[in-house]
Amino acid sequence: MTIHALHQSLLLLLKLWTHIWWNISKGRSALTSQTKF
């Protein structure tokens, strides 16, 4: 595996993780706003 390929896969993982974390935090805020009512 070349350095470039490794770098690309790391970037992809970072993007994926950010996307997942963003969805989880959005879901949590939606849940908390629903329970307030």
C-alpha atoms as a PDB file:
ATOM      1  CA  MET A   1       0.000   0.000   0.000  1.00  0.00           C
ATOM      2  CA  THR A   2       1.389   3.361  -0.982  1.00  0.00           C
ATOM      3  CA  ILE A   3       1.458   6.416   1.250  1.00  0.00           C
ATOM      4  CA  HIS A   4      -1.061   8.110  -1.039  1.00  0.00           C
ATOM      5  CA  ALA A   5      -3.522   5.217  -0.833  1.00  0.00           C
ATOM      6  CA  LEU A   6      -3.139   5.145   2.941  1.00  0.00           C
ATOM      7  CA  HIS A   7      -3.776   8.877   3.099  1.00  0.00           C
ATOM      8  CA  GLN A   8      -6.879   8.531   0.930  1.00  0.00           C
ATOM      9  CA  SER A   9      -8.333   5.760   3.074  1.00  0.00           C
ATOM     10  CA  LEU A  10      -7.641   7.759   6.229  1.00  0.00           C
ATOM     11  CA  LEU A  11      -9.447  10.755   4.760  1.00  0.00           C
ATOM     12  CA  LEU A  12     -12.374   8.539   3.813  1.00  0.00           C
ATOM     13  CA  LEU A  13     -12.547   7.115   7.327  1.00  0.00           C
ATOM     14  CA  LEU A  14     -12.458  10.608   8.791  1.00  0.00           C
ATOM     15  CA  LYS A  15     -15.290  11.752   6.529  1.00  0.00           C
ATOM     16  CA  LEU A  16     -17.335   8.678   7.372  1.00  0.00           C
ATOM     17  CA  TRP A  17     -16.785   9.103  11.104  1.00  0.00           C
ATOM     18  CA  THR A  18     -17.715  12.793  10.949  1.00  0.00           C
ATOM     19  CA  HIS A  19     -20.877  11.918   9.011  1.00  0.00           C
ATOM     20  CA  ILE A  20     -21.889   9.238  11.522  1.00  0.00           C
ATOM     21  CA  TRP A  21     -21.127  11.473  14.513  1.00  0.00           C
ATOM     22  CA  TRP A  22     -23.081  14.334  12.940  1.00  0.00           C
ATOM     23  CA  ASN A  23     -26.119  12.099  12.395  1.00  0.00           C
ATOM     24  CA  ILE A  24     -25.951  10.798  15.967  1.00  0.00           C
ATOM     25  CA  SER A  25     -25.730  14.282  17.450  1.00  0.00           C
ATOM     26  CA  LYS A  26     -28.595  15.458  15.235  1.00  0.00           C
ATOM     27  CA  GLY A  27     -30.687  12.458  16.283  1.00  0.00           C
ATOM     28  CA  ARG A  28     -29.954  13.145  19.941  1.00  0.00           C
ATOM     29  CA  SER A  29     -30.979  16.778  19.695  1.00  0.00           C
ATOM     30  CA  ALA A  30     -34.164  15.731  17.879  1.00  0.00           C
ATOM     31  CA  LEU A  31     -34.931  13.247  20.641  1.00  0.00           C
ATOM     32  CA  THR A  32     -34.351  15.781  23.401  1.00  0.00           C
ATOM     33  CA  SER A  33     -36.500  18.394  21.665  1.00  0.00           C
ATOM     34  CA  GLN A  34     -39.308  15.846  21.310  1.00  0.00           C
ATOM     35  CA  THR A  35     -39.244  14.866  24.973  1.00  0.00           C
ATOM     36  CA  LYS A  36     -39.595  18.513  26.012  1.00  0.00           C
ATOM     37  CA  PHE A  37     -43.116  18.747  24.613  1.00  0.00           C
END
